């Protein structure tokens, strides 16, 4: 089981992030290990996520995963989509 991080067409700015646990790993997926947490990314999403950082926040104001993507030229107000 691994955390899949993907970029899909959609959202109010053009692309949206998608994260879910996946046990299906394709031969061309990139697989990374961060302190025992396995992360997989498909090739087309990897191009849009080059240089991006994934963080988990657990606080009163914010809780959950956040992505800081230097490739995003514009983001929407909710922070879930970009172009």
PDB file of N, CA and C in Angstrom:
ATOM      1  N   UNK A   1       0.855  -1.171   0.000  1.00  0.00           N
ATOM      2  CA  UNK A   1       0.000   0.000   0.000  1.00  0.00           C
ATOM      3  C   UNK A   1       0.900   1.233   0.000  1.00  0.00           C
ATOM      4  N   UNK A   2       0.549   2.224  -0.822  1.00  0.00           N
ATOM      5  CA  UNK A   2       1.345   3.443  -0.945  1.00  0.00           C
ATOM      6  C   UNK A   2       0.413   4.636  -1.109  1.00  0.00           C
ATOM      7  N   UNK A   3       0.939   5.808  -0.841  1.00  0.00           N
ATOM      8  CA  UNK A   3       0.201   7.043  -1.071  1.00  0.00           C
ATOM      9  C   UNK A   3       0.450   7.465  -2.511  1.00  0.00           C
ATOM     10  N   UNK A   4      -0.613   7.517  -3.312  1.00  0.00           N
ATOM     11  CA  UNK A   4      -0.482   7.976  -4.694  1.00  0.00           C
ATOM     12  C   UNK A   4      -0.786   9.467  -4.736  1.00  0.00           C
ATOM     13  N   UNK A   5       0.134  10.218  -5.354  1.00  0.00           N
ATOM     14  CA  UNK A   5      -0.050  11.648  -5.569  1.00  0.00           C
ATOM     15  C   UNK A   5      -0.177  11.840  -7.070  1.00  0.00           C
ATOM     16  N   UNK A   6      -1.257  12.482  -7.503  1.00  0.00           N
ATOM     17  CA  UNK A   6      -1.512  12.637  -8.930  1.00  0.00           C
ATOM     18  C   UNK A   6      -2.035  14.031  -9.232  1.00  0.00           C
ATOM     19  N   UNK A   7      -1.890  14.421 -10.487  1.00  0.00           N
ATOM     20  CA  UNK A   7      -2.444  15.675 -10.990  1.00  0.00           C
ATOM     21  C   UNK A   7      -3.431  15.297 -12.077  1.00  0.00           C
ATOM     22  N   UNK A   8      -4.644  15.817 -11.966  1.00  0.00           N
ATOM     23  CA  UNK A   8      -5.694  15.504 -12.934  1.00  0.00           C
ATOM     24  C   UNK A   8      -6.239  16.806 -13.527  1.00  0.00           C
ATOM     25  N   UNK A   9      -6.687  16.762 -14.788  1.00  0.00           N
ATOM     26  CA  UNK A   9      -7.356  17.936 -15.355  1.00  0.00           C
ATOM     27  C   UNK A   9      -8.622  18.231 -14.559  1.00  0.00           C
ATOM     28  N   UNK A  10      -8.874  19.505 -14.305  1.00  0.00           N
ATOM     29  CA  UNK A  10     -10.086  19.884 -13.592  1.00  0.00           C
ATOM     30  C   UNK A  10      -9.808  20.918 -12.532  1.00  0.00           C
ATOM     31  N   UNK A  11     -10.803  21.207 -11.763  1.00  0.00           N
ATOM     32  CA  UNK A  11     -10.673  22.244 -10.747  1.00  0.00           C
ATOM     33  C   UNK A  11     -10.898  23.604 -11.375  1.00  0.00           C
ATOM     34  N   UNK A  12     -10.976  24.621 -10.565  1.00  0.00           N
ATOM     35  CA  UNK A  12     -11.286  25.952 -11.077  1.00  0.00           C
ATOM     36  C   UNK A  12     -10.092  26.633 -11.747  1.00  0.00           C
ATOM     37  N   UNK A  13      -8.873  26.089 -11.602  1.00  0.00           N
ATOM     38  CA  UNK A  13      -7.701  26.710 -12.219  1.00  0.00           C
ATOM     39  C   UNK A  13      -7.072  25.874 -13.330  1.00  0.00           C
ATOM     40  N   UNK A  14      -7.591  24.692 -13.623  1.00  0.00           N
ATOM     41  CA  UNK A  14      -7.067  23.892 -14.720  1.00  0.00           C
ATOM     42  C   UNK A  14      -6.643  22.491 -14.332  1.00  0.00           C
ATOM     43  N   UNK A  15      -5.901  22.352 -13.226  1.00  0.00           N
ATOM     44  CA  UNK A  15      -5.472  21.054 -12.732  1.00  0.00           C
ATOM     45  C   UNK A  15      -5.813  20.953 -11.266  1.00  0.00           C
ATOM     46  N   UNK A  16      -6.025  19.730 -10.793  1.00  0.00           N
ATOM     47  CA  UNK A  16      -6.265  19.535  -9.363  1.00  0.00           C
ATOM     48  C   UNK A  16      -5.402  18.382  -8.858  1.00  0.00           C
ATOM     49  N   UNK A  17      -5.062  18.461  -7.588  1.00  0.00           N
ATOM     50  CA  UNK A  17      -4.274  17.416  -6.948  1.00  0.00           C
ATOM     51  C   UNK A  17      -5.205  16.310  -6.470  1.00  0.00           C
ATOM     52  N   UNK A  18      -4.694  15.100  -6.520  1.00  0.00           N
ATOM     53  CA  UNK A  18      -5.447  13.953  -6.040  1.00  0.00           C
ATOM     54  C   UNK A  18      -4.487  13.097  -5.214  1.00  0.00           C
ATOM     55  N   UNK A  19      -4.918  12.677  -4.039  1.00  0.00           N
ATOM     56  CA  UNK A  19      -4.107  11.807  -3.188  1.00  0.00           C
ATOM     57  C   UNK A  19      -4.990  10.705  -2.628  1.00  0.00           C
ATOM     58  N   UNK A  20      -4.505   9.483  -2.723  1.00  0.00           N
ATOM     59  CA  UNK A  20      -5.250   8.365  -2.179  1.00  0.00           C
ATOM     60  C   UNK A  20      -4.299   7.192  -1.984  1.00  0.00           C
ATOM     61  N   UNK A  21      -4.693   6.250  -1.134  1.00  0.00           N
ATOM     62  CA  UNK A  21      -3.893   5.058  -0.927  1.00  0.00           C
ATOM     63  C   UNK A  21      -4.171   4.079  -2.056  1.00  0.00           C
ATOM     64  N   UNK A  22      -3.096   3.500  -2.584  1.00  0.00           N
ATOM     65  CA  UNK A  22      -3.211   2.644  -3.762  1.00  0.00           C
ATOM     66  C   UNK A  22      -2.278   1.444  -3.609  1.00  0.00           C
ATOM     67  N   UNK A  23      -2.759   0.278  -3.977  1.00  0.00           N
ATOM     68  CA  UNK A  23      -1.908  -0.910  -3.946  1.00  0.00           C
ATOM     69  C   UNK A  23      -1.510  -1.320  -5.363  1.00  0.00           C
ATOM     70  N   UNK A  24      -2.028  -0.594  -6.360  1.00  0.00           N
ATOM     71  CA  UNK A  24      -1.741  -0.868  -7.766  1.00  0.00           C
ATOM     72  C   UNK A  24      -0.582   0.014  -8.225  1.00  0.00           C
ATOM     73  N   UNK A  25       0.572  -0.555  -8.482  1.00  0.00           N
ATOM     74  CA  UNK A  25       1.729   0.204  -8.941  1.00  0.00           C
ATOM     75  C   UNK A  25       2.057  -0.231 -10.363  1.00  0.00           C
ATOM     76  N   UNK A  26       2.003   0.713 -11.310  1.00  0.00           N
ATOM     77  CA  UNK A  26       2.312   0.418 -12.709  1.00  0.00           C
ATOM     78  C   UNK A  26       3.831   0.393 -12.900  1.00  0.00           C
ATOM     79  N   UNK A  27       4.277  -0.245 -13.950  1.00  0.00           N
ATOM     80  CA  UNK A  27       5.705  -0.362 -14.223  1.00  0.00           C
ATOM     81  C   UNK A  27       6.405   0.959 -14.453  1.00  0.00           C
ATOM     82  N   UNK A  28       5.664   1.968 -14.950  1.00  0.00           N
ATOM     83  CA  UNK A  28       6.296   3.269 -15.222  1.00  0.00           C
ATOM     84  C   UNK A  28       6.054   4.301 -14.118  1.00  0.00           C
ATOM     85  N   UNK A  29       5.421   3.905 -13.029  1.00  0.00           N
ATOM     86  CA  UNK A  29       5.240   4.804 -11.887  1.00  0.00           C
ATOM     87  C   UNK A  29       6.582   5.081 -11.220  1.00  0.00           C
ATOM     88  N   UNK A  30       6.740   6.293 -10.699  1.00  0.00           N
ATOM     89  CA  UNK A  30       7.909   6.609  -9.878  1.00  0.00           C
ATOM     90  C   UNK A  30       7.552   6.262  -8.441  1.00  0.00           C
ATOM     91  N   UNK A  31       8.432   5.558  -7.772  1.00  0.00           N
ATOM     92  CA  UNK A  31       8.207   5.164  -6.388  1.00  0.00           C
ATOM     93  C   UNK A  31       9.290   5.787  -5.523  1.00  0.00           C
ATOM     94  N   UNK A  32       8.873   6.474  -4.482  1.00  0.00           N
ATOM     95  CA  UNK A  32       9.790   7.132  -3.555  1.00  0.00           C
ATOM     96  C   UNK A  32       9.474   6.684  -2.144  1.00  0.00           C
ATOM     97  N   UNK A  33      10.483   6.699  -1.289  1.00  0.00           N
ATOM     98  CA  UNK A  33      10.286   6.310   0.102  1.00  0.00           C
ATOM     99  C   UNK A  33      10.753   7.450   0.995  1.00  0.00           C
ATOM    100  N   UNK A  34       9.869   7.926   1.858  1.00  0.00           N
ATOM    101  CA  UNK A  34      10.178   9.000   2.787  1.00  0.00           C
ATOM    102  C   UNK A  34       9.974   8.485   4.201  1.00  0.00           C
ATOM    103  N   UNK A  35      11.073   8.110   4.831  1.00  0.00           N
ATOM    104  CA  UNK A  35      11.037   7.607   6.218  1.00  0.00           C
ATOM    105  C   UNK A  35      10.011   6.489   6.393  1.00  0.00           C
ATOM    106  N   UNK A  36       9.974   5.581   5.441  1.00  0.00           N
ATOM    107  CA  UNK A  36       9.064   4.445   5.528  1.00  0.00           C
ATOM    108  C   UNK A  36       7.706   4.665   4.895  1.00  0.00           C
ATOM    109  N   UNK A  37       7.423   5.865   4.423  1.00  0.00           N
ATOM    110  CA  UNK A  37       6.160   6.143   3.738  1.00  0.00           C
ATOM    111  C   UNK A  37       6.416   6.050   2.234  1.00  0.00           C
ATOM    112  N   UNK A  38       5.772   5.101   1.587  1.00  0.00           N
ATOM    113  CA  UNK A  38       5.944   4.882   0.155  1.00  0.00           C
ATOM    114  C   UNK A  38       4.990   5.796  -0.613  1.00  0.00           C
ATOM    115  N   UNK A  39       5.544   6.569  -1.556  1.00  0.00           N
ATOM    116  CA  UNK A  39       4.764   7.500  -2.377  1.00  0.00           C
ATOM    117  C   UNK A  39       4.968   7.116  -3.835  1.00  0.00           C
ATOM    118  N   UNK A  40       3.866   7.036  -4.593  1.00  0.00           N
ATOM    119  CA  UNK A  40       3.955   6.719  -6.018  1.00  0.00           C
ATOM    120  C   UNK A  40       3.321   7.835  -6.837  1.00  0.00           C
ATOM    121  N   UNK A  41       3.930   8.079  -8.006  1.00  0.00           N
ATOM    122  CA  UNK A  41       3.480   9.146  -8.901  1.00  0.00           C
ATOM    123  C   UNK A  41       3.550   8.623 -10.331  1.00  0.00           C
ATOM    124  N   UNK A  42       2.494   8.840 -11.109  1.00  0.00           N
ATOM    125  CA  UNK A  42       2.500   8.419 -12.508  1.00  0.00           C
ATOM    126  C   UNK A  42       3.358   9.394 -13.321  1.00  0.00           C
ATOM    127  N   UNK A  43       3.859   8.982 -14.498  1.00  0.00           N
ATOM    128  CA  UNK A  43       4.784   9.812 -15.273  1.00  0.00           C
ATOM    129  C   UNK A  43       4.240  11.190 -15.671  1.00  0.00           C
ATOM    130  N   UNK A  44       2.978  11.283 -16.088  1.00  0.00           N
ATOM    131  CA  UNK A  44       2.450  12.586 -16.511  1.00  0.00           C
ATOM    132  C   UNK A  44       2.280  13.531 -15.318  1.00  0.00           C
ATOM    133  N   UNK A  45       1.903  13.004 -14.158  1.00  0.00           N
ATOM    134  CA  UNK A  45       1.805  13.838 -12.956  1.00  0.00           C
ATOM    135  C   UNK A  45       3.187  14.271 -12.491  1.00  0.00           C
ATOM    136  N   UNK A  46       4.169  13.385 -12.626  1.00  0.00           N
ATOM    137  CA  UNK A  46       5.532  13.692 -12.182  1.00  0.00           C
ATOM    138  C   UNK A  46       6.075  14.931 -12.889  1.00  0.00           C
ATOM    139  N   UNK A  47       5.742  15.105 -14.173  1.00  0.00           N
ATOM    140  CA  UNK A  47       6.201  16.291 -14.910  1.00  0.00           C
ATOM    141  C   UNK A  47       5.658  17.567 -14.289  1.00  0.00           C
ATOM    142  N   UNK A  48       4.417  17.546 -13.820  1.00  0.00           N
ATOM    143  CA  UNK A  48       3.795  18.734 -13.233  1.00  0.00           C
ATOM    144  C   UNK A  48       4.163  18.923 -11.769  1.00  0.00           C
ATOM    145  N   UNK A  49       4.776  17.904 -11.162  1.00  0.00           N
ATOM    146  CA  UNK A  49       5.135  17.972  -9.745  1.00  0.00           C
ATOM    147  C   UNK A  49       6.639  18.105  -9.506  1.00  0.00           C
ATOM    148  N   UNK A  50       7.427  18.271 -10.581  1.00  0.00           N
ATOM    149  CA  UNK A  50       8.872  18.395 -10.430  1.00  0.00           C
ATOM    150  C   UNK A  50       9.213  19.565  -9.510  1.00  0.00           C
ATOM    151  N   UNK A  51       9.952  19.286  -8.458  1.00  0.00           N
ATOM    152  CA  UNK A  51      10.355  20.321  -7.504  1.00  0.00           C
ATOM    153  C   UNK A  51       9.333  20.612  -6.422  1.00  0.00           C
ATOM    154  N   UNK A  52       8.171  19.965  -6.480  1.00  0.00           N
ATOM    155  CA  UNK A  52       7.113  20.205  -5.492  1.00  0.00           C
ATOM    156  C   UNK A  52       7.450  19.519  -4.169  1.00  0.00           C
ATOM    157  N   UNK A  53       6.914  20.068  -3.086  1.00  0.00           N
ATOM    158  CA  UNK A  53       7.078  19.442  -1.776  1.00  0.00           C
ATOM    159  C   UNK A  53       5.708  19.082  -1.221  1.00  0.00           C
ATOM    160  N   UNK A  54       5.666  17.958  -0.537  1.00  0.00           N
ATOM    161  CA  UNK A  54       4.444  17.457   0.089  1.00  0.00           C
ATOM    162  C   UNK A  54       4.654  17.501   1.592  1.00  0.00           C
ATOM    163  N   UNK A  55       3.721  18.092   2.297  1.00  0.00           N
ATOM    164  CA  UNK A  55       3.843  18.232   3.743  1.00  0.00           C
ATOM    165  C   UNK A  55       2.520  17.828   4.386  1.00  0.00           C
ATOM    166  N   UNK A  56       2.603  17.406   5.634  1.00  0.00           N
ATOM    167  CA  UNK A  56       1.396  17.106   6.399  1.00  0.00           C
ATOM    168  C   UNK A  56       1.339  18.050   7.581  1.00  0.00           C
ATOM    169  N   UNK A  57       0.226  18.748   7.718  1.00  0.00           N
ATOM    170  CA  UNK A  57       0.048  19.691   8.813  1.00  0.00           C
ATOM    171  C   UNK A  57      -1.059  19.199   9.721  1.00  0.00           C
ATOM    172  N   UNK A  58      -0.841  19.357  11.017  1.00  0.00           N
ATOM    173  CA  UNK A  58      -1.832  18.913  11.992  1.00  0.00           C
ATOM    174  C   UNK A  58      -1.960  19.989  13.061  1.00  0.00           C
ATOM    175  N   UNK A  59      -2.785  20.976  12.772  1.00  0.00           N
ATOM    176  CA  UNK A  59      -2.947  22.081  13.708  1.00  0.00           C
ATOM    177  C   UNK A  59      -4.387  22.527  13.776  1.00  0.00           C
ATOM    178  N   UNK A  60      -4.639  23.544  14.566  1.00  0.00           N
ATOM    179  CA  UNK A  60      -6.001  24.060  14.704  1.00  0.00           C
ATOM    180  C   UNK A  60      -6.474  24.760  13.441  1.00  0.00           C
ATOM    181  N   UNK A  61      -5.573  25.457  12.764  1.00  0.00           N
ATOM    182  CA  UNK A  61      -5.951  26.208  11.559  1.00  0.00           C
ATOM    183  C   UNK A  61      -5.981  25.321  10.316  1.00  0.00           C
ATOM    184  N   UNK A  62      -4.998  24.410  10.218  1.00  0.00           N
ATOM    185  CA  UNK A  62      -4.908  23.542   9.046  1.00  0.00           C
ATOM    186  C   UNK A  62      -4.613  22.123   9.478  1.00  0.00           C
ATOM    187  N   UNK A  63      -5.214  21.182   8.792  1.00  0.00           N
ATOM    188  CA  UNK A  63      -4.908  19.779   9.030  1.00  0.00           C
ATOM    189  C   UNK A  63      -4.989  19.050   7.696  1.00  0.00           C
ATOM    190  N   UNK A  64      -4.002  18.209   7.426  1.00  0.00           N
ATOM    191  CA  UNK A  64      -3.986  17.429   6.202  1.00  0.00           C
ATOM    192  C   UNK A  64      -2.761  17.713   5.366  1.00  0.00           C
ATOM    193  N   UNK A  65      -2.738  17.126   4.181  1.00  0.00           N
ATOM    194  CA  UNK A  65      -1.615  17.274   3.280  1.00  0.00           C
ATOM    195  C   UNK A  65      -1.676  18.615   2.558  1.00  0.00           C
ATOM    196  N   UNK A  66      -0.505  19.173   2.292  1.00  0.00           N
ATOM    197  CA  UNK A  66      -0.424  20.387   1.477  1.00  0.00           C
ATOM    198  C   UNK A  66       0.719  20.212   0.493  1.00  0.00           C
ATOM    199  N   UNK A  67       0.545  20.749  -0.694  1.00  0.00           N
ATOM    200  CA  UNK A  67       1.553  20.660  -1.748  1.00  0.00           C
ATOM    201  C   UNK A  67       2.010  22.070  -2.089  1.00  0.00           C
ATOM    202  N   UNK A  68       3.322  22.273  -2.065  1.00  0.00           N
ATOM    203  CA  UNK A  68       3.923  23.528  -2.513  1.00  0.00           C
ATOM    204  C   UNK A  68       4.573  23.225  -3.858  1.00  0.00           C
ATOM    205  N   UNK A  69       3.969  23.723  -4.932  1.00  0.00           N
ATOM    206  CA  UNK A  69       4.390  23.379  -6.279  1.00  0.00           C
ATOM    207  C   UNK A  69       4.950  24.610  -6.991  1.00  0.00           C
ATOM    208  N   UNK A  70       6.270  24.654  -7.250  1.00  0.00           N
ATOM    209  CA  UNK A  70       6.856  25.809  -7.934  1.00  0.00           C
ATOM    210  C   UNK A  70       6.421  25.924  -9.393  1.00  0.00           C
ATOM    211  N   UNK A  71       5.808  24.887  -9.949  1.00  0.00           N
ATOM    212  CA  UNK A  71       5.332  24.915 -11.335  1.00  0.00           C
ATOM    213  C   UNK A  71       3.980  25.600 -11.471  1.00  0.00           C
ATOM    214  N   UNK A  72       3.297  25.824 -10.369  1.00  0.00           N
ATOM    215  CA  UNK A  72       1.971  26.444 -10.406  1.00  0.00           C
ATOM    216  C   UNK A  72       2.127  27.952 -10.600  1.00  0.00           C
ATOM    217  N   UNK A  73       1.580  28.466 -11.686  1.00  0.00           N
ATOM    218  CA  UNK A  73       1.643  29.901 -11.937  1.00  0.00           C
ATOM    219  C   UNK A  73       0.439  30.621 -11.345  1.00  0.00           C
ATOM    220  N   UNK A  74      -0.632  29.865 -11.107  1.00  0.00           N
ATOM    221  CA  UNK A  74      -1.849  30.441 -10.540  1.00  0.00           C
ATOM    222  C   UNK A  74      -2.552  29.356  -9.740  1.00  0.00           C
ATOM    223  N   UNK A  75      -3.072  29.713  -8.582  1.00  0.00           N
ATOM    224  CA  UNK A  75      -3.833  28.774  -7.780  1.00  0.00           C
ATOM    225  C   UNK A  75      -5.197  29.373  -7.469  1.00  0.00           C
ATOM    226  N   UNK A  76      -6.138  28.514  -7.123  1.00  0.00           N
ATOM    227  CA  UNK A  76      -7.474  28.991  -6.768  1.00  0.00           C
ATOM    228  C   UNK A  76      -7.500  29.311  -5.267  1.00  0.00           C
ATOM    229  N   UNK A  77      -8.566  29.890  -4.825  1.00  0.00           N
ATOM    230  CA  UNK A  77      -8.715  30.273  -3.431  1.00  0.00           C
ATOM    231  C   UNK A  77      -8.681  29.108  -2.457  1.00  0.00           C
ATOM    232  N   UNK A  78      -9.157  27.946  -2.892  1.00  0.00           N
ATOM    233  CA  UNK A  78      -9.183  26.795  -1.985  1.00  0.00           C
ATOM    234  C   UNK A  78      -7.834  26.096  -1.904  1.00  0.00           C
ATOM    235  N   UNK A  79      -6.913  26.399  -2.836  1.00  0.00           N
ATOM    236  CA  UNK A  79      -5.594  25.802  -2.825  1.00  0.00           C
ATOM    237  C   UNK A  79      -5.546  24.378  -3.360  1.00  0.00           C
ATOM    238  N   UNK A  80      -6.649  23.904  -3.916  1.00  0.00           N
ATOM    239  CA  UNK A  80      -6.703  22.536  -4.411  1.00  0.00           C
ATOM    240  C   UNK A  80      -6.510  22.425  -5.907  1.00  0.00           C
ATOM    241  N   UNK A  81      -6.479  23.547  -6.632  1.00  0.00           N
ATOM    242  CA  UNK A  81      -6.238  23.466  -8.073  1.00  0.00           C
ATOM    243  C   UNK A  81      -5.262  24.566  -8.476  1.00  0.00           C
ATOM    244  N   UNK A  82      -4.639  24.340  -9.649  1.00  0.00           N
ATOM    245  CA  UNK A  82      -3.603  25.264 -10.119  1.00  0.00           C
ATOM    246  C   UNK A  82      -3.532  25.239 -11.630  1.00  0.00           C
ATOM    247  N   UNK A  83      -2.791  26.170 -12.171  1.00  0.00           N
ATOM    248  CA  UNK A  83      -2.497  26.162 -13.618  1.00  0.00           C
ATOM    249  C   UNK A  83      -1.063  26.571 -13.810  1.00  0.00           C
TER     250      UNK A  83
END
